[in-house]
Amino acid sequence: AAKPSVRARVFADTAASATRLDLRTAFPITPLARAALLA
């Protein structure tokens, strides 16, 4: 539970952080490459 002002602040900061989000860093393709090399 959060007050409207707190909710707005959290989502504003999260949206700003989302613009710098790099999915390739969080979810790298390295495990898939290893599995493909094994195949």
Full PDB file with SEQRES, HELIX, SHEET, SSBOND, CRYST1, ORIGX, SCALE, CONECT and MASTER records, all heavy atoms in Angstrom:
SEQRES   1 A   39  ALA ALA LYS PRO SER VAL ARG ALA ARG VAL PHE ALA ASP          
SEQRES   2 A   39  THR ALA ALA SER ALA THR ARG LEU ASP LEU ARG THR ALA          
SEQRES   3 A   39  PHE PRO ILE THR PRO LEU ALA ARG ALA ALA LEU LEU ALA          
HELIX    1 AA1 PRO A    4  ALA A   18  1                                  15    
HELIX    2 AA2 LEU A   23  ALA A   26  1                                   4    
HELIX    3 AA3 THR A   30  LEU A   38  1                                   9    
CRYST1    1.000    1.000    1.000  90.00  90.00  90.00 P 1           1          
ORIGX1      1.000000  0.000000  0.000000        0.00000                         
ORIGX2      0.000000  1.000000  0.000000        0.00000                         
ORIGX3      0.000000  0.000000  1.000000        0.00000                         
SCALE1      1.000000  0.000000  0.000000        0.00000                         
SCALE2      0.000000  1.000000  0.000000        0.00000                         
SCALE3      0.000000  0.000000  1.000000        0.00000                         
ATOM      1  N   ALA A   1       0.852  -1.199   0.000  1.00  0.00           N  
ATOM      2  CA  ALA A   1       0.000   0.000   0.000  1.00  0.00           C  
ATOM      3  C   ALA A   1       0.884   1.243   0.000  1.00  0.00           C  
ATOM      4  O   ALA A   1       1.926   1.281   0.660  1.00  0.00           O  
ATOM      5  CB  ALA A   1      -0.921  -0.003   1.221  1.00  0.00           C  
ATOM      6  N   ALA A   2       0.468   2.247  -0.763  1.00  0.00           N  
ATOM      7  CA  ALA A   2       1.232   3.498  -0.840  1.00  0.00           C  
ATOM      8  C   ALA A   2       0.286   4.655  -1.096  1.00  0.00           C  
ATOM      9  O   ALA A   2      -0.732   4.518  -1.787  1.00  0.00           O  
ATOM     10  CB  ALA A   2       2.281   3.407  -1.942  1.00  0.00           C  
ATOM     11  N   LYS A   3       0.631   5.798  -0.541  1.00  0.00           N  
ATOM     12  CA  LYS A   3      -0.149   7.006  -0.798  1.00  0.00           C  
ATOM     13  C   LYS A   3       0.004   7.422  -2.257  1.00  0.00           C  
ATOM     14  O   LYS A   3       0.991   7.075  -2.905  1.00  0.00           O  
ATOM     15  CB  LYS A   3       0.342   8.131   0.115  1.00  0.00           C  
ATOM     16  CG  LYS A   3       0.118   7.856   1.597  1.00  0.00           C  
ATOM     17  CD  LYS A   3       0.632   9.016   2.431  1.00  0.00           C  
ATOM     18  CE  LYS A   3       0.410   8.756   3.922  1.00  0.00           C  
ATOM     19  NZ  LYS A   3       0.902   9.875   4.758  1.00  0.00           N  
ATOM     20  N   PRO A   4      -0.978   8.140  -2.787  1.00  0.00           N  
ATOM     21  CA  PRO A   4      -0.898   8.564  -4.192  1.00  0.00           C  
ATOM     22  C   PRO A   4       0.388   9.302  -4.526  1.00  0.00           C  
ATOM     23  O   PRO A   4       0.986   9.094  -5.584  1.00  0.00           O  
ATOM     24  CB  PRO A   4      -2.122   9.449  -4.373  1.00  0.00           C  
ATOM     25  CG  PRO A   4      -3.091   8.940  -3.346  1.00  0.00           C  
ATOM     26  CD  PRO A   4      -2.270   8.520  -2.173  1.00  0.00           C  
ATOM     27  N   SER A   5       0.835  10.155  -3.615  1.00  0.00           N  
ATOM     28  CA  SER A   5       2.054  10.905  -3.901  1.00  0.00           C  
ATOM     29  C   SER A   5       3.273   9.983  -3.930  1.00  0.00           C  
ATOM     30  O   SER A   5       4.158  10.124  -4.782  1.00  0.00           O  
ATOM     31  CB  SER A   5       2.252  11.990  -2.837  1.00  0.00           C  
ATOM     32  OG  SER A   5       2.315  11.408  -1.531  1.00  0.00           O  
ATOM     33  N   VAL A   6       3.285   9.016  -2.982  1.00  0.00           N  
ATOM     34  CA  VAL A   6       4.400   8.069  -2.950  1.00  0.00           C  
ATOM     35  C   VAL A   6       4.353   7.178  -4.187  1.00  0.00           C  
ATOM     36  O   VAL A   6       5.370   6.888  -4.815  1.00  0.00           O  
ATOM     37  CB  VAL A   6       4.343   7.221  -1.666  1.00  0.00           C  
ATOM     38  CG1 VAL A   6       5.416   6.142  -1.700  1.00  0.00           C  
ATOM     39  CG2 VAL A   6       4.516   8.111  -0.441  1.00  0.00           C  
ATOM     40  N   ARG A   7       3.156   6.729  -4.562  1.00  0.00           N  
ATOM     41  CA  ARG A   7       2.991   5.885  -5.751  1.00  0.00           C  
ATOM     42  C   ARG A   7       3.504   6.596  -6.997  1.00  0.00           C  
ATOM     43  O   ARG A   7       4.232   6.025  -7.819  1.00  0.00           O  
ATOM     44  CB  ARG A   7       1.518   5.524  -5.911  1.00  0.00           C  
ATOM     45  CG  ARG A   7       1.215   4.643  -7.116  1.00  0.00           C  
ATOM     46  CD  ARG A   7      -0.279   4.493  -7.303  1.00  0.00           C  
ATOM     47  NE  ARG A   7      -0.592   3.627  -8.437  1.00  0.00           N  
ATOM     48  CZ  ARG A   7      -0.966   2.362  -8.356  1.00  0.00           C  
ATOM     49  NH1 ARG A   7      -1.094   1.802  -7.157  1.00  0.00           N  
ATOM     50  NH2 ARG A   7      -1.201   1.656  -9.442  1.00  0.00           N  
ATOM     51  N   ALA A   8       3.123   7.887  -7.123  1.00  0.00           N  
ATOM     52  CA  ALA A   8       3.553   8.645  -8.298  1.00  0.00           C  
ATOM     53  C   ALA A   8       5.068   8.790  -8.325  1.00  0.00           C  
ATOM     54  O   ALA A   8       5.704   8.677  -9.377  1.00  0.00           O  
ATOM     55  CB  ALA A   8       2.873  10.015  -8.304  1.00  0.00           C  
ATOM     56  N   ARG A   9       5.659   9.039  -7.150  1.00  0.00           N  
ATOM     57  CA  ARG A   9       7.119   9.224  -7.099  1.00  0.00           C  
ATOM     58  C   ARG A   9       7.843   7.917  -7.463  1.00  0.00           C  
ATOM     59  O   ARG A   9       8.828   7.918  -8.228  1.00  0.00           O  
ATOM     60  CB  ARG A   9       7.514   9.676  -5.696  1.00  0.00           C  
ATOM     61  CG  ARG A   9       9.018   9.814  -5.495  1.00  0.00           C  
ATOM     62  CD  ARG A   9       9.603  10.884  -6.411  1.00  0.00           C  
ATOM     63  NE  ARG A   9      11.039  10.964  -6.277  1.00  0.00           N  
ATOM     64  CZ  ARG A   9      11.659  11.721  -5.347  1.00  0.00           C  
ATOM     65  NH1 ARG A   9      10.935  12.449  -4.501  1.00  0.00           N  
ATOM     66  NH2 ARG A   9      12.952  11.751  -5.286  1.00  0.00           N  
ATOM     67  N   VAL A  10       7.341   6.771  -6.920  1.00  0.00           N  
ATOM     68  CA  VAL A  10       7.987   5.487  -7.199  1.00  0.00           C  
ATOM     69  C   VAL A  10       7.935   5.170  -8.693  1.00  0.00           C  
ATOM     70  O   VAL A  10       8.934   4.778  -9.305  1.00  0.00           O  
ATOM     71  CB  VAL A  10       7.319   4.360  -6.378  1.00  0.00           C  
ATOM     72  CG1 VAL A  10       7.796   2.992  -6.874  1.00  0.00           C  
ATOM     73  CG2 VAL A  10       7.633   4.526  -4.909  1.00  0.00           C  
ATOM     74  N   PHE A  11       6.767   5.349  -9.308  1.00  0.00           N  
ATOM     75  CA  PHE A  11       6.653   5.012 -10.729  1.00  0.00           C  
ATOM     76  C   PHE A  11       7.430   5.978 -11.604  1.00  0.00           C  
ATOM     77  O   PHE A  11       7.956   5.595 -12.657  1.00  0.00           O  
ATOM     78  CB  PHE A  11       5.182   4.978 -11.134  1.00  0.00           C  
ATOM     79  CG  PHE A  11       4.518   3.662 -10.854  1.00  0.00           C  
ATOM     80  CD1 PHE A  11       3.699   3.506  -9.756  1.00  0.00           C  
ATOM     81  CD2 PHE A  11       4.736   2.571 -11.668  1.00  0.00           C  
ATOM     82  CE1 PHE A  11       3.100   2.290  -9.475  1.00  0.00           C  
ATOM     83  CE2 PHE A  11       4.142   1.348 -11.410  1.00  0.00           C  
ATOM     84  CZ  PHE A  11       3.317   1.203 -10.299  1.00  0.00           C  
ATOM     85  N   ALA A  12       7.511   7.248 -11.181  1.00  0.00           N  
ATOM     86  CA  ALA A  12       8.302   8.203 -11.961  1.00  0.00           C  
ATOM     87  C   ALA A  12       9.771   7.818 -11.941  1.00  0.00           C  
ATOM     88  O   ALA A  12      10.453   7.825 -12.985  1.00  0.00           O  
ATOM     89  CB  ALA A  12       8.105   9.613 -11.395  1.00  0.00           C  
ATOM     90  N   ASP A  13      10.291   7.477 -10.743  1.00  0.00           N  
ATOM     91  CA  ASP A  13      11.697   7.077 -10.654  1.00  0.00           C  
ATOM     92  C   ASP A  13      11.950   5.758 -11.388  1.00  0.00           C  
ATOM     93  O   ASP A  13      12.985   5.569 -12.044  1.00  0.00           O  
ATOM     94  CB  ASP A  13      12.100   6.934  -9.182  1.00  0.00           C  
ATOM     95  CG  ASP A  13      12.133   8.281  -8.456  1.00  0.00           C  
ATOM     96  OD1 ASP A  13      12.085   9.316  -9.164  1.00  0.00           O  
ATOM     97  OD2 ASP A  13      12.171   8.287  -7.217  1.00  0.00           O  
ATOM     98  N   THR A  14      10.979   4.821 -11.286  1.00  0.00           N  
ATOM     99  CA  THR A  14      11.143   3.531 -11.970  1.00  0.00           C  
ATOM    100  C   THR A  14      11.112   3.710 -13.484  1.00  0.00           C  
ATOM    101  O   THR A  14      11.864   3.061 -14.218  1.00  0.00           O  
ATOM    102  CB  THR A  14      10.038   2.555 -11.544  1.00  0.00           C  
ATOM    103  OG1 THR A  14       9.988   2.474 -10.124  1.00  0.00           O  
ATOM    104  CG2 THR A  14      10.301   1.160 -12.102  1.00  0.00           C  
ATOM    105  N   ALA A  15      10.229   4.594 -13.978  1.00  0.00           N  
ATOM    106  CA  ALA A  15      10.170   4.848 -15.420  1.00  0.00           C  
ATOM    107  C   ALA A  15      11.475   5.459 -15.908  1.00  0.00           C  
ATOM    108  O   ALA A  15      11.971   5.128 -16.999  1.00  0.00           O  
ATOM    109  CB  ALA A  15       8.991   5.761 -15.739  1.00  0.00           C  
ATOM    110  N   ALA A  16      12.062   6.340 -15.101  1.00  0.00           N  
ATOM    111  CA  ALA A  16      13.346   6.930 -15.480  1.00  0.00           C  
ATOM    112  C   ALA A  16      14.433   5.865 -15.518  1.00  0.00           C  
ATOM    113  O   ALA A  16      15.289   5.861 -16.410  1.00  0.00           O  
ATOM    114  CB  ALA A  16      13.717   8.044 -14.497  1.00  0.00           C  
ATOM    115  N   SER A  17      14.376   4.943 -14.547  1.00  0.00           N  
ATOM    116  CA  SER A  17      15.359   3.850 -14.542  1.00  0.00           C  
ATOM    117  C   SER A  17      15.132   2.898 -15.705  1.00  0.00           C  
ATOM    118  O   SER A  17      16.084   2.309 -16.233  1.00  0.00           O  
ATOM    119  CB  SER A  17      15.280   3.105 -13.213  1.00  0.00           C  
ATOM    120  OG  SER A  17      16.243   2.081 -13.149  1.00  0.00           O  
ATOM    121  N   ALA A  18      13.861   2.725 -16.127  1.00  0.00           N  
ATOM    122  CA  ALA A  18      13.544   1.814 -17.224  1.00  0.00           C  
ATOM    123  C   ALA A  18      14.146   2.292 -18.538  1.00  0.00           C  
ATOM    124  O   ALA A  18      14.448   1.481 -19.424  1.00  0.00           O  
ATOM    125  CB  ALA A  18      12.041   1.654 -17.361  1.00  0.00           C  
ATOM    126  N   THR A  19      14.322   3.600 -18.671  1.00  0.00           N  
ATOM    127  CA  THR A  19      14.920   4.115 -19.910  1.00  0.00           C  
ATOM    128  C   THR A  19      16.384   3.716 -20.025  1.00  0.00           C  
ATOM    129  O   THR A  19      16.934   3.707 -21.128  1.00  0.00           O  
ATOM    130  CB  THR A  19      14.800   5.641 -19.956  1.00  0.00           C  
ATOM    131  OG1 THR A  19      15.463   6.208 -18.811  1.00  0.00           O  
ATOM    132  CG2 THR A  19      13.334   6.059 -19.945  1.00  0.00           C  
ATOM    133  N   ARG A  20      17.010   3.386 -18.896  1.00  0.00           N  
ATOM    134  CA  ARG A  20      18.418   2.967 -18.916  1.00  0.00           C  
ATOM    135  C   ARG A  20      18.550   1.448 -18.781  1.00  0.00           C  
ATOM    136  O   ARG A  20      19.662   0.932 -18.637  1.00  0.00           O  
ATOM    137  CB  ARG A  20      19.180   3.631 -17.758  1.00  0.00           C  
ATOM    138  CG  ARG A  20      19.119   5.154 -17.782  1.00  0.00           C  
ATOM    139  CD  ARG A  20      20.096   5.766 -16.788  1.00  0.00           C  
ATOM    140  NE  ARG A  20      19.837   5.322 -15.421  1.00  0.00           N  
ATOM    141  CZ  ARG A  20      18.986   5.922 -14.582  1.00  0.00           C  
ATOM    142  NH1 ARG A  20      18.294   6.984 -14.992  1.00  0.00           N  
ATOM    143  NH2 ARG A  20      18.824   5.467 -13.360  1.00  0.00           N  
ATOM    144  N   LEU A  21      17.428   0.759 -18.858  1.00  0.00           N  
ATOM    145  CA  LEU A  21      17.433  -0.692 -18.665  1.00  0.00           C  
ATOM    146  C   LEU A  21      18.020  -1.396 -19.891  1.00  0.00           C  
ATOM    147  O   LEU A  21      17.582  -1.180 -21.018  1.00  0.00           O  
ATOM    148  CB  LEU A  21      16.001  -1.186 -18.415  1.00  0.00           C  
ATOM    149  CG  LEU A  21      15.825  -2.669 -18.074  1.00  0.00           C  
ATOM    150  CD1 LEU A  21      16.537  -2.990 -16.778  1.00  0.00           C  
ATOM    151  CD2 LEU A  21      14.345  -3.007 -17.962  1.00  0.00           C  
ATOM    152  N   ASP A  22      19.000  -2.249 -19.679  1.00  0.00           N  
ATOM    153  CA  ASP A  22      19.634  -3.026 -20.744  1.00  0.00           C  
ATOM    154  C   ASP A  22      19.297  -4.500 -20.509  1.00  0.00           C  
ATOM    155  O   ASP A  22      19.876  -5.153 -19.632  1.00  0.00           O  
ATOM    156  CB  ASP A  22      21.142  -2.813 -20.745  1.00  0.00           C  
ATOM    157  CG  ASP A  22      21.830  -3.508 -21.918  1.00  0.00           C  
ATOM    158  OD1 ASP A  22      21.103  -4.100 -22.759  1.00  0.00           O  
ATOM    159  OD2 ASP A  22      23.065  -3.469 -21.986  1.00  0.00           O  
ATOM    160  N   LEU A  23      18.351  -5.015 -21.287  1.00  0.00           N  
ATOM    161  CA  LEU A  23      17.915  -6.399 -21.087  1.00  0.00           C  
ATOM    162  C   LEU A  23      19.009  -7.400 -21.438  1.00  0.00           C  
ATOM    163  O   LEU A  23      19.025  -8.516 -20.924  1.00  0.00           O  
ATOM    164  CB  LEU A  23      16.665  -6.674 -21.931  1.00  0.00           C  
ATOM    165  CG  LEU A  23      15.417  -5.865 -21.553  1.00  0.00           C  
ATOM    166  CD1 LEU A  23      14.249  -6.251 -22.445  1.00  0.00           C  
ATOM    167  CD2 LEU A  23      15.053  -6.097 -20.089  1.00  0.00           C  
ATOM    168  N   ARG A  24      19.928  -7.019 -22.315  1.00  0.00           N  
ATOM    169  CA  ARG A  24      21.002  -7.939 -22.676  1.00  0.00           C  
ATOM    170  C   ARG A  24      21.956  -8.176 -21.502  1.00  0.00           C  
ATOM    171  O   ARG A  24      22.572  -9.235 -21.414  1.00  0.00           O  
ATOM    172  CB  ARG A  24      21.775  -7.381 -23.874  1.00  0.00           C  
ATOM    173  CG  ARG A  24      20.984  -7.382 -25.171  1.00  0.00           C  
ATOM    174  CD  ARG A  24      21.743  -6.711 -26.278  1.00  0.00           C  
ATOM    175  NE  ARG A  24      21.964  -5.292 -26.002  1.00  0.00           N  
ATOM    176  CZ  ARG A  24      22.601  -4.466 -26.816  1.00  0.00           C  
ATOM    177  NH1 ARG A  24      23.094  -4.914 -27.964  1.00  0.00           N  
ATOM    178  NH2 ARG A  24      22.754  -3.197 -26.488  1.00  0.00           N  
ATOM    179  N   THR A  25      22.054  -7.202 -20.610  1.00  0.00           N  
ATOM    180  CA  THR A  25      22.880  -7.383 -19.424  1.00  0.00           C  
ATOM    181  C   THR A  25      22.168  -8.226 -18.380  1.00  0.00           C  
ATOM    182  O   THR A  25      22.767  -9.111 -17.756  1.00  0.00           O  
ATOM    183  CB  THR A  25      23.247  -6.024 -18.822  1.00  0.00           C  
ATOM    184  OG1 THR A  25      23.950  -5.248 -19.798  1.00  0.00           O  
ATOM    185  CG2 THR A  25      24.116  -6.182 -17.586  1.00  0.00           C  
ATOM    186  N   ALA A  26      20.881  -7.958 -18.200  1.00  0.00           N  
ATOM    187  CA  ALA A  26      20.110  -8.706 -17.203  1.00  0.00           C  
ATOM    188  C   ALA A  26      19.868 -10.144 -17.637  1.00  0.00           C  
ATOM    189  O   ALA A  26      19.843 -11.063 -16.810  1.00  0.00           O  
ATOM    190  CB  ALA A  26      18.779  -8.005 -16.938  1.00  0.00           C  
ATOM    191  N   PHE A  27      19.670 -10.351 -18.948  1.00  0.00           N  
ATOM    192  CA  PHE A  27      19.384 -11.692 -19.473  1.00  0.00           C  
ATOM    193  C   PHE A  27      20.320 -11.957 -20.656  1.00  0.00           C  
ATOM    194  O   PHE A  27      19.931 -11.811 -21.816  1.00  0.00           O  
ATOM    195  CB  PHE A  27      17.910 -11.791 -19.905  1.00  0.00           C  
ATOM    196  CG  PHE A  27      16.960 -11.368 -18.834  1.00  0.00           C  
ATOM    197  CD1 PHE A  27      16.397 -10.097 -18.843  1.00  0.00           C  
ATOM    198  CD2 PHE A  27      16.647 -12.226 -17.794  1.00  0.00           C  
ATOM    199  CE1 PHE A  27      15.536  -9.696 -17.846  1.00  0.00           C  
ATOM    200  CE2 PHE A  27      15.779 -11.830 -16.791  1.00  0.00           C  
ATOM    201  CZ  PHE A  27      15.223 -10.562 -16.803  1.00  0.00           C  
ATOM    202  N   PRO A  28      21.557 -12.331 -20.365  1.00  0.00           N  
ATOM    203  CA  PRO A  28      22.549 -12.528 -21.432  1.00  0.00           C  
ATOM    204  C   PRO A  28      22.224 -13.760 -22.273  1.00  0.00           C  
ATOM    205  O   PRO A  28      21.500 -14.665 -21.847  1.00  0.00           O  
ATOM    206  CB  PRO A  28      23.866 -12.706 -20.660  1.00  0.00           C  
ATOM    207  CG  PRO A  28      23.443 -13.245 -19.328  1.00  0.00           C  
ATOM    208  CD  PRO A  28      22.114 -12.599 -19.023  1.00  0.00           C  
ATOM    209  N   ILE A  29      22.817 -13.787 -23.461  1.00  0.00           N  
ATOM    210  CA  ILE A  29      22.587 -14.889 -24.395  1.00  0.00           C  
ATOM    211  C   ILE A  29      23.633 -15.993 -24.220  1.00  0.00           C  
ATOM    212  O   ILE A  29      23.582 -17.018 -24.907  1.00  0.00           O  
ATOM    213  CB  ILE A  29      22.629 -14.345 -25.841  1.00  0.00           C  
ATOM    214  CG1 ILE A  29      21.912 -15.309 -26.803  1.00  0.00           C  
ATOM    215  CG2 ILE A  29      24.055 -14.088 -26.277  1.00  0.00           C  
ATOM    216  CD1 ILE A  29      21.764 -14.756 -28.196  1.00  0.00           C  
ATOM    217  N   THR A  30      24.547 -15.809 -23.256  1.00  0.00           N  
ATOM    218  CA  THR A  30      25.633 -16.784 -23.066  1.00  0.00           C  
ATOM    219  C   THR A  30      25.144 -18.203 -22.792  1.00  0.00           C  
ATOM    220  O   THR A  30      25.649 -19.159 -23.401  1.00  0.00           O  
ATOM    221  CB  THR A  30      26.551 -16.305 -21.927  1.00  0.00           C  
ATOM    222  OG1 THR A  30      27.004 -14.982 -22.211  1.00  0.00           O  
ATOM    223  CG2 THR A  30      27.756 -17.224 -21.791  1.00  0.00           C  
ATOM    224  N   PRO A  31      24.172 -18.436 -21.885  1.00  0.00           N  
ATOM    225  CA  PRO A  31      23.717 -19.828 -21.672  1.00  0.00           C  
ATOM    226  C   PRO A  31      23.168 -20.469 -22.941  1.00  0.00           C  
ATOM    227  O   PRO A  31      23.393 -21.658 -23.194  1.00  0.00           O  
ATOM    228  CB  PRO A  31      22.617 -19.670 -20.606  1.00  0.00           C  
ATOM    229  CG  PRO A  31      22.951 -18.402 -19.901  1.00  0.00           C  
ATOM    230  CD  PRO A  31      23.510 -17.502 -20.946  1.00  0.00           C  
ATOM    231  N   LEU A  32      22.448 -19.688 -23.760  1.00  0.00           N  
ATOM    232  CA  LEU A  32      21.926 -20.230 -25.018  1.00  0.00           C  
ATOM    233  C   LEU A  32      23.060 -20.590 -25.963  1.00  0.00           C  
ATOM    234  O   LEU A  32      23.028 -21.635 -26.634  1.00  0.00           O  
ATOM    235  CB  LEU A  32      20.994 -19.211 -25.670  1.00  0.00           C  
ATOM    236  CG  LEU A  32      20.479 -19.558 -27.080  1.00  0.00           C  
ATOM    237  CD1 LEU A  32      19.725 -20.876 -27.067  1.00  0.00           C  
ATOM    238  CD2 LEU A  32      19.598 -18.431 -27.614  1.00  0.00           C  
ATOM    239  N   ALA A  33      24.093 -19.741 -26.018  1.00  0.00           N  
ATOM    240  CA  ALA A  33      25.236 -20.026 -26.898  1.00  0.00           C  
ATOM    241  C   ALA A  33      25.948 -21.303 -26.466  1.00  0.00           C  
ATOM    242  O   ALA A  33      26.337 -22.120 -27.312  1.00  0.00           O  
ATOM    243  CB  ALA A  33      26.204 -18.841 -26.890  1.00  0.00           C  
ATOM    244  N   ARG A  34      26.102 -21.502 -25.153  1.00  0.00           N  
ATOM    245  CA  ARG A  34      26.747 -22.737 -24.678  1.00  0.00           C  
ATOM    246  C   ARG A  34      25.920 -23.967 -25.052  1.00  0.00           C  
ATOM    247  O   ARG A  34      26.464 -24.991 -25.472  1.00  0.00           O  
ATOM    248  CB  ARG A  34      26.944 -22.673 -23.164  1.00  0.00           C  
ATOM    249  CG  ARG A  34      28.063 -21.743 -22.723  1.00  0.00           C  
ATOM    250  CD  ARG A  34      28.471 -22.052 -21.302  1.00  0.00           C  
ATOM    251  NE  ARG A  34      27.389 -21.748 -20.370  1.00  0.00           N  
ATOM    252  CZ  ARG A  34      27.280 -20.626 -19.671  1.00  0.00           C  
ATOM    253  NH1 ARG A  34      28.209 -19.686 -19.808  1.00  0.00           N  
ATOM    254  NH2 ARG A  34      26.285 -20.447 -18.833  1.00  0.00           N  
ATOM    255  N   ALA A  35      24.590 -23.869 -24.893  1.00  0.00           N  
ATOM    256  CA  ALA A  35      23.728 -25.005 -25.245  1.00  0.00           C  
ATOM    257  C   ALA A  35      23.795 -25.288 -26.743  1.00  0.00           C  
ATOM    258  O   ALA A  35      23.817 -26.447 -27.176  1.00  0.00           O  
ATOM    259  CB  ALA A  35      22.293 -24.729 -24.813  1.00  0.00           C  
ATOM    260  N   ALA A  36      23.827 -24.228 -27.563  1.00  0.00           N  
ATOM    261  CA  ALA A  36      23.914 -24.417 -29.013  1.00  0.00           C  
ATOM    262  C   ALA A  36      25.238 -25.071 -29.409  1.00  0.00           C  
ATOM    263  O   ALA A  36      25.281 -25.956 -30.275  1.00  0.00           O  
ATOM    264  CB  ALA A  36      23.748 -23.069 -29.723  1.00  0.00           C  
ATOM    265  N   LEU A  37      26.336 -24.654 -28.762  1.00  0.00           N  
ATOM    266  CA  LEU A  37      27.633 -25.273 -29.050  1.00  0.00           C  
ATOM    267  C   LEU A  37      27.640 -26.742 -28.658  1.00  0.00           C  
ATOM    268  O   LEU A  37      28.221 -27.584 -29.357  1.00  0.00           O  
ATOM    269  CB  LEU A  37      28.742 -24.521 -28.300  1.00  0.00           C  
ATOM    270  CG  LEU A  37      29.123 -23.139 -28.859  1.00  0.00           C  
ATOM    271  CD1 LEU A  37      30.152 -22.474 -27.960  1.00  0.00           C  
ATOM    272  CD2 LEU A  37      29.669 -23.271 -30.275  1.00  0.00           C  
ATOM    273  N   LEU A  38      26.963 -27.067 -27.546  1.00  0.00           N  
ATOM    274  CA  LEU A  38      26.867 -28.467 -27.137  1.00  0.00           C  
ATOM    275  C   LEU A  38      26.108 -29.289 -28.178  1.00  0.00           C  
ATOM    276  O   LEU A  38      26.503 -30.416 -28.505  1.00  0.00           O  
ATOM    277  CB  LEU A  38      26.166 -28.559 -25.783  1.00  0.00           C  
ATOM    278  CG  LEU A  38      25.925 -29.979 -25.241  1.00  0.00           C  
ATOM    279  CD1 LEU A  38      27.252 -30.694 -25.023  1.00  0.00           C  
ATOM    280  CD2 LEU A  38      25.120 -29.921 -23.942  1.00  0.00           C  
ATOM    281  N   ALA A  39      25.020 -28.721 -28.718  1.00  0.00           N  
ATOM    282  CA  ALA A  39      24.260 -29.431 -29.748  1.00  0.00           C  
ATOM    283  C   ALA A  39      25.093 -29.634 -31.005  1.00  0.00           C  
ATOM    284  O   ALA A  39      25.083 -30.719 -31.608  1.00  0.00           O  
ATOM    285  CB  ALA A  39      22.979 -28.651 -30.072  1.00  0.00           C  
TER     286      ALA A  39                                                      
MASTER        0    0    0    3    0    0    0    6  285    1    0    3          
END                                                                             
